[in-house]
Amino acid sequence: MDYEGYTIWLDCDKKSAIRFRYNAQRDSGSYKRAKHFKPDPRIPKYCQQSSGKSYREQGKTTQFDRGHLVPANHLDHSKKAIRESNYMTNILPQAKFMNRGAWLLTEEIVECYRDIDELLVLGGAWWDNSIDSRFMKSHGLPDIPDYFWKVIIRNDRIISWWIPNRQSATKKRLDDYLVTADFIQEKTGLALPIEPYLLDQKPTLSWYIPRGCNKG
């Protein structure tokens, strides 16, 4: 499914996006993110979540955020694009401290480096053999992703992460989740659109946030 500024691949059985792709270009906008989430009216109901409500478990404190695959902030050049980023086709349950921790830091890295060079950003979700259907009744979700992955390509440099969808995945632990793009290919079975010589690249540390970077 092509949206303005990004593409996602949907799995109707999972009622979820399984991967995404976009080019992160220089920040040139400041449209505000929409407050509300809702299903995409163009997508059949059997292919997406049934509700845009928050992921609340009855009688429990909310442990999962409505986590963006492609962040709204990277689409703030267009009112339409940033509004569509809140469609539930771009949203999955993400452990609260992972969404606001390790995953957020990958988004901030993109936010900073896109002002230096145009970036190709690839990513997705991955499920293991366990079934977690806690949001089946509220959202029609048959399962919750166990991992999220992301690959950033900057000219001839590449960085990749395989991040567990757990509360322990904080910003401080992002380096623990560094992998090669080849590892992601082997786990997911996808043939990523990456030059072969980049597949084995793995920096020892995540790219640092440049001083003075505007993350807004």
C-alpha atoms as a PDB file:
ATOM      1  CA  MET A   1       0.000   0.000   0.000  1.00  0.00           C
ATOM      2  CA  ASP A   2       1.497   3.299  -1.111  1.00  0.00           C
ATOM      3  CA  TYR A   3       0.973   6.351   1.066  1.00  0.00           C
ATOM      4  CA  GLU A   4       2.381   9.808   0.515  1.00  0.00           C
ATOM      5  CA  GLY A   5       6.028   9.461   1.511  1.00  0.00           C
ATOM      6  CA  TYR A   6       6.140   5.767   2.376  1.00  0.00           C
ATOM      7  CA  THR A   7       5.048   2.250   1.474  1.00  0.00           C
ATOM      8  CA  ILE A   8       3.845  -0.549   3.729  1.00  0.00           C
ATOM      9  CA  TRP A   9       3.214  -4.232   3.107  1.00  0.00           C
ATOM     10  CA  LEU A  10       0.095  -5.653   4.792  1.00  0.00           C
ATOM     11  CA  ASP A  11      -0.564  -9.223   5.903  1.00  0.00           C
ATOM     12  CA  CYS A  12      -4.337  -9.716   6.030  1.00  0.00           C
ATOM     13  CA  ASP A  13      -4.055 -12.820   8.233  1.00  0.00           C
ATOM     14  CA  LYS A  14      -2.157 -10.806  10.848  1.00  0.00           C
ATOM     15  CA  LYS A  15      -4.237  -7.675  10.180  1.00  0.00           C
ATOM     16  CA  SER A  16      -0.917  -5.884  10.416  1.00  0.00           C
ATOM     17  CA  ALA A  17       1.782  -4.245   8.388  1.00  0.00           C
ATOM     18  CA  ILE A  18       4.762  -6.579   8.204  1.00  0.00           C
ATOM     19  CA  ARG A  19       7.242  -4.106   6.726  1.00  0.00           C
ATOM     20  CA  PHE A  20       7.703  -0.549   5.485  1.00  0.00           C
ATOM     21  CA  ARG A  21      10.001   1.566   3.343  1.00  0.00           C
ATOM     22  CA  TYR A  22      10.578   5.288   2.891  1.00  0.00           C
ATOM     23  CA  ASN A  23      13.165   7.850   1.880  1.00  0.00           C
ATOM     24  CA  ALA A  24      13.948  10.280   4.679  1.00  0.00           C
ATOM     25  CA  GLN A  25      14.754  13.632   3.134  1.00  0.00           C
ATOM     26  CA  ARG A  26      15.780  16.935   4.676  1.00  0.00           C
ATOM     27  CA  ASP A  27      13.272  18.190   7.240  1.00  0.00           C
ATOM     28  CA  SER A  28      11.267  20.887   5.481  1.00  0.00           C
ATOM     29  CA  GLY A  29       7.937  20.940   7.295  1.00  0.00           C
ATOM     30  CA  SER A  30       6.226  21.476  10.604  1.00  0.00           C
ATOM     31  CA  TYR A  31       2.699  20.138  10.281  1.00  0.00           C
ATOM     32  CA  LYS A  32       1.400  18.849  13.596  1.00  0.00           C
ATOM     33  CA  ARG A  33       0.645  15.198  14.193  1.00  0.00           C
ATOM     34  CA  ALA A  34      -3.017  14.237  14.345  1.00  0.00           C
ATOM     35  CA  LYS A  35      -4.400  13.406  17.773  1.00  0.00           C
ATOM     36  CA  HIS A  36      -6.701  10.616  16.668  1.00  0.00           C
ATOM     37  CA  PHE A  37      -6.021   7.159  15.251  1.00  0.00           C
ATOM     38  CA  LYS A  38      -8.385   5.306  12.950  1.00  0.00           C
ATOM     39  CA  PRO A  39      -8.496   2.462  10.415  1.00  0.00           C
ATOM     40  CA  ASP A  40      -7.659   3.345   6.817  1.00  0.00           C
ATOM     41  CA  PRO A  41     -11.032   3.705   5.015  1.00  0.00           C
ATOM     42  CA  ARG A  42      -9.489   2.424   1.769  1.00  0.00           C
ATOM     43  CA  ILE A  43      -8.356  -0.920   3.214  1.00  0.00           C
ATOM     44  CA  PRO A  44     -10.798  -3.858   3.611  1.00  0.00           C
ATOM     45  CA  LYS A  45     -11.765  -4.481   7.222  1.00  0.00           C
ATOM     46  CA  TYR A  46     -10.409  -8.025   7.123  1.00  0.00           C
ATOM     47  CA  CYS A  47      -6.919  -6.669   6.380  1.00  0.00           C
ATOM     48  CA  GLN A  48      -6.515  -4.221   9.264  1.00  0.00           C
ATOM     49  CA  GLN A  49      -7.245  -3.583  12.912  1.00  0.00           C
ATOM     50  CA  SER A  50     -10.844  -2.894  13.789  1.00  0.00           C
ATOM     51  CA  SER A  51     -10.264   0.027  16.164  1.00  0.00           C
ATOM     52  CA  GLY A  52      -8.085   3.087  16.587  1.00  0.00           C
ATOM     53  CA  LYS A  53      -8.483   3.093  20.353  1.00  0.00           C
ATOM     54  CA  SER A  54      -5.524   2.725  22.676  1.00  0.00           C
ATOM     55  CA  TYR A  55      -4.310  -0.763  23.573  1.00  0.00           C
ATOM     56  CA  ARG A  56      -5.879  -1.141  27.001  1.00  0.00           C
ATOM     57  CA  GLU A  57      -6.231  -4.421  28.817  1.00  0.00           C
ATOM     58  CA  GLN A  58      -9.261  -4.639  31.052  1.00  0.00           C
ATOM     59  CA  GLY A  59      -8.351  -3.960  34.672  1.00  0.00           C
ATOM     60  CA  LYS A  60      -4.656  -3.392  33.889  1.00  0.00           C
ATOM     61  CA  THR A  61      -2.373  -0.418  33.351  1.00  0.00           C
ATOM     62  CA  THR A  62      -1.642   0.177  29.681  1.00  0.00           C
ATOM     63  CA  GLN A  63       1.628  -1.537  28.774  1.00  0.00           C
ATOM     64  CA  PHE A  64       1.523  -1.056  25.001  1.00  0.00           C
ATOM     65  CA  ASP A  65       1.545   2.144  22.971  1.00  0.00           C
ATOM     66  CA  ARG A  66       0.044   2.676  19.556  1.00  0.00           C
ATOM     67  CA  GLY A  67       3.498   2.552  18.019  1.00  0.00           C
ATOM     68  CA  HIS A  68       4.217   4.006  14.595  1.00  0.00           C
ATOM     69  CA  LEU A  69       6.182   2.029  12.035  1.00  0.00           C
ATOM     70  CA  VAL A  70       6.906   5.160   9.999  1.00  0.00           C
ATOM     71  CA  PRO A  71       7.019   8.055  12.479  1.00  0.00           C
ATOM     72  CA  ALA A  72       4.698  10.991  11.968  1.00  0.00           C
ATOM     73  CA  ASN A  73       7.563  13.425  12.521  1.00  0.00           C
ATOM     74  CA  HIS A  74       9.294  12.209   9.356  1.00  0.00           C
ATOM     75  CA  LEU A  75       6.194  13.055   7.325  1.00  0.00           C
ATOM     76  CA  ASP A  76       5.574  16.567   8.643  1.00  0.00           C
ATOM     77  CA  HIS A  77       6.222  18.104   5.208  1.00  0.00           C
ATOM     78  CA  SER A  78       2.677  17.199   4.183  1.00  0.00           C
ATOM     79  CA  LYS A  79      -0.619  17.629   6.009  1.00  0.00           C
ATOM     80  CA  LYS A  80      -2.006  14.585   4.223  1.00  0.00           C
ATOM     81  CA  ALA A  81       1.024  12.399   4.913  1.00  0.00           C
ATOM     82  CA  ILE A  82       1.221  13.176   8.627  1.00  0.00           C
ATOM     83  CA  ARG A  83      -2.526  12.612   8.996  1.00  0.00           C
ATOM     84  CA  GLU A  84      -2.328   9.245   7.247  1.00  0.00           C
ATOM     85  CA  SER A  85       0.568   8.193   9.469  1.00  0.00           C
ATOM     86  CA  ASN A  86      -2.035   7.744  12.219  1.00  0.00           C
ATOM     87  CA  TYR A  87      -3.988   5.181  10.222  1.00  0.00           C
ATOM     88  CA  MET A  88      -3.911   1.872  12.064  1.00  0.00           C
ATOM     89  CA  THR A  89      -2.210   0.266   9.059  1.00  0.00           C
ATOM     90  CA  ASN A  90       0.917   2.116  10.255  1.00  0.00           C
ATOM     91  CA  ILE A  91       0.378   1.255  13.928  1.00  0.00           C
ATOM     92  CA  LEU A  92       1.161  -1.842  16.002  1.00  0.00           C
ATOM     93  CA  PRO A  93       1.272  -2.576  19.749  1.00  0.00           C
ATOM     94  CA  GLN A  94       4.709  -1.615  20.985  1.00  0.00           C
ATOM     95  CA  ALA A  95       5.848  -2.135  24.567  1.00  0.00           C
ATOM     96  CA  LYS A  96       5.666   1.304  26.153  1.00  0.00           C
ATOM     97  CA  PHE A  97       9.320   1.608  27.152  1.00  0.00           C
ATOM     98  CA  MET A  98      10.510   0.119  23.862  1.00  0.00           C
ATOM     99  CA  ASN A  99       8.399   2.549  21.816  1.00  0.00           C
ATOM    100  CA  ARG A 100       9.660   5.474  23.899  1.00  0.00           C
ATOM    101  CA  GLY A 101      13.138   4.009  24.238  1.00  0.00           C
ATOM    102  CA  ALA A 102      15.159   2.005  21.710  1.00  0.00           C
ATOM    103  CA  TRP A 103      12.643   2.432  18.866  1.00  0.00           C
ATOM    104  CA  LEU A 104      12.389   6.179  19.491  1.00  0.00           C
ATOM    105  CA  LEU A 105      16.174   6.504  19.399  1.00  0.00           C
ATOM    106  CA  THR A 106      16.283   4.909  15.934  1.00  0.00           C
ATOM    107  CA  GLU A 107      13.736   7.502  14.827  1.00  0.00           C
ATOM    108  CA  GLU A 108      15.840  10.314  16.299  1.00  0.00           C
ATOM    109  CA  ILE A 109      18.900   9.025  14.454  1.00  0.00           C
ATOM    110  CA  VAL A 110      16.953   9.202  11.194  1.00  0.00           C
ATOM    111  CA  GLU A 111      15.647  12.655  12.107  1.00  0.00           C
ATOM    112  CA  CYS A 112      19.168  13.992  12.612  1.00  0.00           C
ATOM    113  CA  TYR A 113      20.945  12.330   9.698  1.00  0.00           C
ATOM    114  CA  ARG A 114      18.277  13.079   7.098  1.00  0.00           C
ATOM    115  CA  ASP A 115      19.361  16.727   7.303  1.00  0.00           C
ATOM    116  CA  ILE A 116      22.874  15.632   6.274  1.00  0.00           C
ATOM    117  CA  ASP A 117      22.085  13.057   3.572  1.00  0.00           C
ATOM    118  CA  GLU A 118      18.957  11.495   2.132  1.00  0.00           C
ATOM    119  CA  LEU A 119      18.387   8.125   3.820  1.00  0.00           C
ATOM    120  CA  LEU A 120      16.680   4.932   2.748  1.00  0.00           C
ATOM    121  CA  VAL A 121      14.823   3.471   5.728  1.00  0.00           C
ATOM    122  CA  LEU A 122      13.560  -0.125   5.719  1.00  0.00           C
ATOM    123  CA  GLY A 123      11.838  -1.851   8.596  1.00  0.00           C
ATOM    124  CA  GLY A 124       9.131  -4.141   9.829  1.00  0.00           C
ATOM    125  CA  ALA A 125       7.712  -6.418  12.479  1.00  0.00           C
ATOM    126  CA  TRP A 126       8.386 -10.086  13.154  1.00  0.00           C
ATOM    127  CA  TRP A 127       6.397 -12.730  15.017  1.00  0.00           C
ATOM    128  CA  ASP A 128       7.756 -15.935  16.567  1.00  0.00           C
ATOM    129  CA  ASN A 129       5.769 -19.117  17.162  1.00  0.00           C
ATOM    130  CA  SER A 130       4.023 -17.960  20.342  1.00  0.00           C
ATOM    131  CA  ILE A 131       0.537 -16.416  20.180  1.00  0.00           C
ATOM    132  CA  ASP A 132      -0.426 -13.316  22.138  1.00  0.00           C
ATOM    133  CA  SER A 133      -4.033 -12.448  21.313  1.00  0.00           C
ATOM    134  CA  ARG A 134      -4.740 -10.045  24.177  1.00  0.00           C
ATOM    135  CA  PHE A 135      -5.968  -7.410  21.686  1.00  0.00           C
ATOM    136  CA  MET A 136      -8.076  -9.764  19.610  1.00  0.00           C
ATOM    137  CA  LYS A 137     -11.346  -8.610  21.154  1.00  0.00           C
ATOM    138  CA  SER A 138     -10.562  -4.894  21.181  1.00  0.00           C
ATOM    139  CA  HIS A 139      -8.701  -4.559  17.867  1.00  0.00           C
ATOM    140  CA  GLY A 140      -9.114  -7.843  16.029  1.00  0.00           C
ATOM    141  CA  LEU A 141      -5.377  -8.522  16.319  1.00  0.00           C
ATOM    142  CA  PRO A 142      -4.603 -12.264  16.366  1.00  0.00           C
ATOM    143  CA  ASP A 143      -1.061 -11.686  17.626  1.00  0.00           C
ATOM    144  CA  ILE A 144       1.435  -9.062  18.845  1.00  0.00           C
ATOM    145  CA  PRO A 145       4.863  -8.667  17.179  1.00  0.00           C
ATOM    146  CA  ASP A 146       7.785 -10.110  19.111  1.00  0.00           C
ATOM    147  CA  TYR A 147      10.408  -7.974  17.390  1.00  0.00           C
ATOM    148  CA  PHE A 148      10.725  -4.837  15.308  1.00  0.00           C
ATOM    149  CA  TRP A 149      13.592  -4.269  12.899  1.00  0.00           C
ATOM    150  CA  LYS A 150      15.013  -1.307  11.042  1.00  0.00           C
ATOM    151  CA  VAL A 151      17.751  -0.707   8.473  1.00  0.00           C
ATOM    152  CA  ILE A 152      19.090   2.754   7.603  1.00  0.00           C
ATOM    153  CA  ILE A 153      21.203   3.244   4.480  1.00  0.00           C
ATOM    154  CA  ARG A 154      23.258   6.423   4.138  1.00  0.00           C
ATOM    155  CA  ASN A 155      25.229   6.384   0.898  1.00  0.00           C
ATOM    156  CA  ASP A 156      27.693   3.522   1.434  1.00  0.00           C
ATOM    157  CA  ARG A 157      27.018   3.147   5.164  1.00  0.00           C
ATOM    158  CA  ILE A 158      24.376   0.959   6.751  1.00  0.00           C
ATOM    159  CA  ILE A 159      23.079   0.282  10.250  1.00  0.00           C
ATOM    160  CA  SER A 160      20.519  -2.327  11.336  1.00  0.00           C
ATOM    161  CA  TRP A 161      18.692  -3.252  14.542  1.00  0.00           C
ATOM    162  CA  TRP A 162      16.581  -6.216  15.669  1.00  0.00           C
ATOM    163  CA  ILE A 163      14.686  -4.904  18.702  1.00  0.00           C
ATOM    164  CA  PRO A 164      12.609  -7.056  21.072  1.00  0.00           C
ATOM    165  CA  ASN A 165       9.101  -5.788  21.745  1.00  0.00           C
ATOM    166  CA  ARG A 166       9.721  -5.731  25.476  1.00  0.00           C
ATOM    167  CA  GLN A 167       9.773  -3.122  28.215  1.00  0.00           C
ATOM    168  CA  SER A 168      13.503  -3.777  28.703  1.00  0.00           C
ATOM    169  CA  ALA A 169      14.339  -2.319  25.259  1.00  0.00           C
ATOM    170  CA  THR A 170      15.302   1.149  26.496  1.00  0.00           C
ATOM    171  CA  LYS A 171      17.459   3.760  24.773  1.00  0.00           C
ATOM    172  CA  LYS A 172      20.512   2.681  26.746  1.00  0.00           C
ATOM    173  CA  ARG A 173      20.261  -0.822  25.314  1.00  0.00           C
ATOM    174  CA  LEU A 174      19.972   0.080  21.627  1.00  0.00           C
ATOM    175  CA  ASP A 175      23.541  -1.070  20.887  1.00  0.00           C
ATOM    176  CA  ASP A 176      22.624  -4.531  22.187  1.00  0.00           C
ATOM    177  CA  TYR A 177      20.268  -4.905  19.222  1.00  0.00           C
ATOM    178  CA  LEU A 178      22.725  -4.091  16.421  1.00  0.00           C
ATOM    179  CA  VAL A 179      22.749  -6.766  13.706  1.00  0.00           C
ATOM    180  CA  THR A 180      23.665  -7.045  10.038  1.00  0.00           C
ATOM    181  CA  ALA A 181      21.108  -6.639   7.282  1.00  0.00           C
ATOM    182  CA  ASP A 182      22.007 -10.176   6.286  1.00  0.00           C
ATOM    183  CA  PHE A 183      20.798 -11.364   9.722  1.00  0.00           C
ATOM    184  CA  ILE A 184      17.444  -9.657   9.077  1.00  0.00           C
ATOM    185  CA  GLN A 185      17.179 -11.291   5.683  1.00  0.00           C
ATOM    186  CA  GLU A 186      17.807 -14.713   7.184  1.00  0.00           C
ATOM    187  CA  LYS A 187      15.261 -14.207   9.991  1.00  0.00           C
ATOM    188  CA  THR A 188      12.478 -12.755   7.868  1.00  0.00           C
ATOM    189  CA  GLY A 189      13.104 -14.546   4.591  1.00  0.00           C
ATOM    190  CA  LEU A 190      12.969 -11.197   2.779  1.00  0.00           C
ATOM    191  CA  ALA A 191      15.301 -10.174  -0.015  1.00  0.00           C
ATOM    192  CA  LEU A 192      16.053  -6.597   0.995  1.00  0.00           C
ATOM    193  CA  PRO A 193      16.841  -4.073  -1.773  1.00  0.00           C
ATOM    194  CA  ILE A 194      20.406  -3.621  -0.517  1.00  0.00           C
ATOM    195  CA  GLU A 195      23.710  -3.875  -2.359  1.00  0.00           C
ATOM    196  CA  PRO A 196      25.425  -7.172  -1.451  1.00  0.00           C
ATOM    197  CA  TYR A 197      28.564  -5.457  -0.131  1.00  0.00           C
ATOM    198  CA  LEU A 198      26.469  -3.683   2.515  1.00  0.00           C
ATOM    199  CA  LEU A 199      24.745  -6.762   3.900  1.00  0.00           C
ATOM    200  CA  ASP A 200      27.505  -7.690   6.356  1.00  0.00           C
ATOM    201  CA  GLN A 201      28.200  -4.181   7.663  1.00  0.00           C
ATOM    202  CA  LYS A 202      27.667  -3.818  11.405  1.00  0.00           C
ATOM    203  CA  PRO A 203      29.025  -0.836  13.357  1.00  0.00           C
ATOM    204  CA  THR A 204      30.161  -1.468  16.911  1.00  0.00           C
ATOM    205  CA  LEU A 205      27.954   1.377  18.185  1.00  0.00           C
ATOM    206  CA  SER A 206      24.758   3.000  17.011  1.00  0.00           C
ATOM    207  CA  TRP A 207      25.227   6.277  15.192  1.00  0.00           C
ATOM    208  CA  TYR A 208      25.501   9.118  17.675  1.00  0.00           C
ATOM    209  CA  ILE A 209      23.088  12.041  17.750  1.00  0.00           C
ATOM    210  CA  PRO A 210      24.966  15.041  16.289  1.00  0.00           C
ATOM    211  CA  ARG A 211      25.296  18.038  18.557  1.00  0.00           C
ATOM    212  CA  GLY A 212      22.644  20.655  17.881  1.00  0.00           C
ATOM    213  CA  CYS A 213      20.306  18.268  16.081  1.00  0.00           C
ATOM    214  CA  ASN A 214      16.709  19.496  16.030  1.00  0.00           C
ATOM    215  CA  LYS A 215      14.611  16.393  16.757  1.00  0.00           C
ATOM    216  CA  GLY A 216      11.348  18.246  16.260  1.00  0.00           C
END
